[in-house]
């Protein structure tokens, strides 16, 4: 008699949920982390924890509760319908691309703050992603002007429309500029693509400064809602 095949003890994703060994662990819309890279990380963690005896119920509790870590798609605040996100850890164009792909430009207006110090990496793919997803780009720091120029050149080359662009020297100037222009249902994303070393000791210091700029100018208002969640 042929025995039925055992269900593989691996984590997987369906259209609506994460599963382990064929059993639902957590609905995708209950996960607080955002982005396909975070889903992949959760699946890997589930496979490992399941191998050492964790139950689907325990995995689901962790998946629902885990809010990530600071400076990694961290939602700093929601103020007057504008969501401010700190992804200061994105110190390369590829990491910034991953952050941009976490948002749907058809559902939200994306405003990107990009800059810092260039590591002599290629920016063309980043520029194409910006042109496809971003409504407003603000370049800041040592690489800010170069990033904006690359985005505009790629738009011309590919015969697409570049986002509205501006260049400032410092991060506080970028935040001030965006605060005046961001409309409700906008996402303001700090995902620099460059290192922090033109103005800060590390990406954490840059992210902390961004957080203080956002919360120090509106977080005490009735319409400001501090958030401690990472997407």
Foldseek 3Di string as FASTA:
>chain_A
DDDDDQQDQFWDDDPFAIDGSPHGQEGPVLAQAFFPVVVVVLRVVSSVVVVVPDDSPNSSVCRNPDQDDPQCQWFFKQFQQETETHNLVQAALVSLLRVQVRDDLVQAAEEEEAEAADPPDDCQVSLVSQLVRHQEYEAEAPCRVVNVVSNVVSCVVVVGDHHHYYYDYDPLVVVVVCVVPDHHRHYYYYNHNRFHVRPDPGSVVVRVVVSCSVCVPGCPPPRMGGDGGHD
